[in-house]
Amino acid sequence: MERKPLIVTGVAVAAVAVGGGALTYAMSGTESTTGLDKSTTVTVDGHKALSGRIVTGRISSKYSPLPWVGGDASVMMCPDLKAVAGTKVTCPARDGDGKDLSIPVTVLKADATSITWKFERV
């Protein structure tokens, strides 16, 4: 029996697994850094804030990009996210079965030009 086809098959399977894992990791990230400019910024309590429409769109696109990452969710309008580290808000959503969800969002860091934030899958 020749071992070469078996080795080639094993290498191909490993490459697909690694590639799939890397794709899943890249697509399933819940952390985002967003620039604060005229099109994304609003003011909340005298502080720069990321518009809720930007937060809603980003969560909607990243919540379940791949079926094996998590369940489907329809995100309603998130509140504006104040650009102050430690700020927390909750975005209302509904899962595929119509159950109401609350998606926690936290600001990790912020400066005059950008905000880094993350959401949690529930």
C-alpha atoms as a PDB file:
ATOM      1  CA  MET A   1       0.000   0.000   0.000  1.00  0.00           C
ATOM      2  CA  GLU A   2       1.310   3.406  -0.935  1.00  0.00           C
ATOM      3  CA  ARG A   3       1.475   5.978   1.890  1.00  0.00           C
ATOM      4  CA  LYS A   4       1.760   9.115  -0.266  1.00  0.00           C
ATOM      5  CA  PRO A   5      -2.013   9.497  -1.017  1.00  0.00           C
ATOM      6  CA  LEU A   6      -2.775   8.983   2.666  1.00  0.00           C
ATOM      7  CA  ILE A   7      -0.273  11.668   3.696  1.00  0.00           C
ATOM      8  CA  VAL A   8      -1.572  14.107   1.074  1.00  0.00           C
ATOM      9  CA  THR A   9      -5.146  13.531   2.276  1.00  0.00           C
ATOM     10  CA  GLY A  10      -4.110  14.072   5.891  1.00  0.00           C
ATOM     11  CA  VAL A  11      -2.328  17.309   5.053  1.00  0.00           C
ATOM     12  CA  ALA A  12      -5.353  18.552   3.059  1.00  0.00           C
ATOM     13  CA  VAL A  13      -7.748  17.776   5.919  1.00  0.00           C
ATOM     14  CA  ALA A  14      -5.460  19.561   8.397  1.00  0.00           C
ATOM     15  CA  ALA A  15      -5.213  22.612   6.116  1.00  0.00           C
ATOM     16  CA  VAL A  16      -9.008  22.836   5.798  1.00  0.00           C
ATOM     17  CA  ALA A  17      -9.407  22.523   9.576  1.00  0.00           C
ATOM     18  CA  VAL A  18      -6.847  25.244  10.290  1.00  0.00           C
ATOM     19  CA  GLY A  19      -8.339  27.510   7.614  1.00  0.00           C
ATOM     20  CA  GLY A  20     -11.865  26.957   8.960  1.00  0.00           C
ATOM     21  CA  GLY A  21     -10.699  27.675  12.487  1.00  0.00           C
ATOM     22  CA  ALA A  22      -8.961  30.873  11.424  1.00  0.00           C
ATOM     23  CA  LEU A  23     -12.059  31.992   9.486  1.00  0.00           C
ATOM     24  CA  THR A  24     -14.308  31.253  12.462  1.00  0.00           C
ATOM     25  CA  TYR A  25     -12.013  33.194  14.795  1.00  0.00           C
ATOM     26  CA  ALA A  26     -11.848  36.187  12.456  1.00  0.00           C
ATOM     27  CA  MET A  27     -15.584  36.265  11.770  1.00  0.00           C
ATOM     28  CA  SER A  28     -16.737  35.627  15.338  1.00  0.00           C
ATOM     29  CA  GLY A  29     -14.879  38.433  17.090  1.00  0.00           C
ATOM     30  CA  THR A  30     -17.003  40.587  19.354  1.00  0.00           C
ATOM     31  CA  GLU A  31     -14.509  43.424  19.820  1.00  0.00           C
ATOM     32  CA  SER A  32     -14.491  46.467  17.553  1.00  0.00           C
ATOM     33  CA  THR A  33     -12.487  49.656  17.304  1.00  0.00           C
ATOM     34  CA  THR A  34     -14.439  52.430  15.620  1.00  0.00           C
ATOM     35  CA  GLY A  35     -13.248  55.871  14.640  1.00  0.00           C
ATOM     36  CA  LEU A  36     -15.029  58.866  16.119  1.00  0.00           C
ATOM     37  CA  ASP A  37     -15.716  61.266  13.264  1.00  0.00           C
ATOM     38  CA  LYS A  38     -18.586  63.433  12.040  1.00  0.00           C
ATOM     39  CA  SER A  39     -20.512  60.470  10.643  1.00  0.00           C
ATOM     40  CA  THR A  40     -20.226  58.212  13.721  1.00  0.00           C
ATOM     41  CA  THR A  41     -20.175  60.600  16.686  1.00  0.00           C
ATOM     42  CA  VAL A  42     -22.969  62.021  18.794  1.00  0.00           C
ATOM     43  CA  THR A  43     -22.870  63.674  22.226  1.00  0.00           C
ATOM     44  CA  VAL A  44     -24.125  62.034  25.444  1.00  0.00           C
ATOM     45  CA  ASP A  45     -23.932  63.942  28.736  1.00  0.00           C
ATOM     46  CA  GLY A  46     -21.303  66.271  27.239  1.00  0.00           C
ATOM     47  CA  HIS A  47     -19.072  63.362  26.104  1.00  0.00           C
ATOM     48  CA  LYS A  48     -18.344  62.069  22.638  1.00  0.00           C
ATOM     49  CA  ALA A  49     -20.303  58.903  21.949  1.00  0.00           C
ATOM     50  CA  LEU A  50     -20.547  56.326  19.196  1.00  0.00           C
ATOM     51  CA  SER A  51     -23.930  56.528  17.509  1.00  0.00           C
ATOM     52  CA  GLY A  52     -26.305  53.715  18.428  1.00  0.00           C
ATOM     53  CA  ARG A  53     -26.923  53.085  14.730  1.00  0.00           C
ATOM     54  CA  ILE A  54     -23.232  52.177  14.286  1.00  0.00           C
ATOM     55  CA  VAL A  55     -23.298  49.870  17.337  1.00  0.00           C
ATOM     56  CA  THR A  56     -26.515  48.236  16.089  1.00  0.00           C
ATOM     57  CA  GLY A  57     -25.110  47.654  12.607  1.00  0.00           C
ATOM     58  CA  ARG A  58     -21.815  46.198  13.835  1.00  0.00           C
ATOM     59  CA  ILE A  59     -23.490  43.823  16.295  1.00  0.00           C
ATOM     60  CA  SER A  60     -26.023  42.781  13.649  1.00  0.00           C
ATOM     61  CA  SER A  61     -23.251  41.901  11.206  1.00  0.00           C
ATOM     62  CA  LYS A  62     -21.030  40.106  13.740  1.00  0.00           C
ATOM     63  CA  TYR A  63     -23.499  38.421  16.109  1.00  0.00           C
ATOM     64  CA  SER A  64     -23.819  35.243  14.087  1.00  0.00           C
ATOM     65  CA  PRO A  65     -21.763  35.465  10.889  1.00  0.00           C
ATOM     66  CA  LEU A  66     -21.347  31.691  10.720  1.00  0.00           C
ATOM     67  CA  PRO A  67     -24.009  29.138  11.730  1.00  0.00           C
ATOM     68  CA  TRP A  68     -21.675  27.173  14.026  1.00  0.00           C
ATOM     69  CA  VAL A  69     -20.691  30.320  15.999  1.00  0.00           C
ATOM     70  CA  GLY A  70     -24.042  30.997  17.644  1.00  0.00           C
ATOM     71  CA  GLY A  71     -27.735  31.564  17.237  1.00  0.00           C
ATOM     72  CA  ASP A  72     -29.370  34.167  15.058  1.00  0.00           C
ATOM     73  CA  ALA A  73     -30.413  37.505  16.566  1.00  0.00           C
ATOM     74  CA  SER A  74     -32.245  40.515  15.221  1.00  0.00           C
ATOM     75  CA  VAL A  75     -30.797  43.549  16.999  1.00  0.00           C
ATOM     76  CA  MET A  76     -33.132  46.463  17.669  1.00  0.00           C
ATOM     77  CA  MET A  77     -31.759  50.019  17.983  1.00  0.00           C
ATOM     78  CA  CYS A  78     -28.888  50.166  20.497  1.00  0.00           C
ATOM     79  CA  PRO A  79     -28.416  53.260  22.647  1.00  0.00           C
ATOM     80  CA  ASP A  80     -25.538  55.642  21.903  1.00  0.00           C
ATOM     81  CA  LEU A  81     -22.282  54.388  23.445  1.00  0.00           C
ATOM     82  CA  LYS A  82     -20.455  57.037  25.493  1.00  0.00           C
ATOM     83  CA  ALA A  83     -16.720  57.103  24.653  1.00  0.00           C
ATOM     84  CA  VAL A  84     -15.613  56.548  28.249  1.00  0.00           C
ATOM     85  CA  ALA A  85     -13.827  53.346  29.313  1.00  0.00           C
ATOM     86  CA  GLY A  86     -16.077  51.159  31.433  1.00  0.00           C
ATOM     87  CA  THR A  87     -19.341  52.484  29.989  1.00  0.00           C
ATOM     88  CA  LYS A  88     -21.942  49.712  29.682  1.00  0.00           C
ATOM     89  CA  VAL A  89     -25.197  49.632  27.738  1.00  0.00           C
ATOM     90  CA  THR A  90     -27.608  46.903  26.745  1.00  0.00           C
ATOM     91  CA  CYS A  91     -28.918  46.410  23.228  1.00  0.00           C
ATOM     92  CA  PRO A  92     -32.350  44.862  22.826  1.00  0.00           C
ATOM     93  CA  ALA A  93     -32.610  41.978  20.357  1.00  0.00           C
ATOM     94  CA  ARG A  94     -34.816  39.042  19.464  1.00  0.00           C
ATOM     95  CA  ASP A  95     -33.619  35.535  18.670  1.00  0.00           C
ATOM     96  CA  GLY A  96     -34.860  33.352  15.801  1.00  0.00           C
ATOM     97  CA  ASP A  97     -37.613  31.910  18.011  1.00  0.00           C
ATOM     98  CA  GLY A  98     -38.944  35.376  18.923  1.00  0.00           C
ATOM     99  CA  LYS A  99     -37.459  35.373  22.439  1.00  0.00           C
ATOM    100  CA  ASP A 100     -36.317  38.788  23.722  1.00  0.00           C
ATOM    101  CA  LEU A 101     -32.576  39.133  24.339  1.00  0.00           C
ATOM    102  CA  SER A 102     -30.413  41.764  26.047  1.00  0.00           C
ATOM    103  CA  ILE A 103     -26.938  42.049  24.523  1.00  0.00           C
ATOM    104  CA  PRO A 104     -24.383  43.617  26.913  1.00  0.00           C
ATOM    105  CA  VAL A 105     -21.957  46.132  25.358  1.00  0.00           C
ATOM    106  CA  THR A 106     -18.883  47.511  27.168  1.00  0.00           C
ATOM    107  CA  VAL A 107     -16.390  50.235  26.246  1.00  0.00           C
ATOM    108  CA  LEU A 108     -12.860  48.877  26.711  1.00  0.00           C
ATOM    109  CA  LYS A 109     -10.958  52.078  25.893  1.00  0.00           C
ATOM    110  CA  ALA A 110     -11.565  55.414  24.246  1.00  0.00           C
ATOM    111  CA  ASP A 111      -9.660  58.493  23.178  1.00  0.00           C
ATOM    112  CA  ALA A 112     -10.426  61.609  21.162  1.00  0.00           C
ATOM    113  CA  THR A 113     -10.416  59.767  17.828  1.00  0.00           C
ATOM    114  CA  SER A 114     -11.617  56.198  18.468  1.00  0.00           C
ATOM    115  CA  ILE A 115     -13.498  53.868  20.764  1.00  0.00           C
ATOM    116  CA  THR A 116     -12.811  50.174  21.401  1.00  0.00           C
ATOM    117  CA  TRP A 117     -15.816  48.208  22.579  1.00  0.00           C
ATOM    118  CA  LYS A 118     -17.133  44.666  22.725  1.00  0.00           C
ATOM    119  CA  PHE A 119     -20.438  42.870  22.983  1.00  0.00           C
ATOM    120  CA  GLU A 120     -21.317  39.519  24.497  1.00  0.00           C
ATOM    121  CA  ARG A 121     -23.253  36.755  22.807  1.00  0.00           C
ATOM    122  CA  VAL A 122     -26.182  35.716  24.973  1.00  0.00           C
END
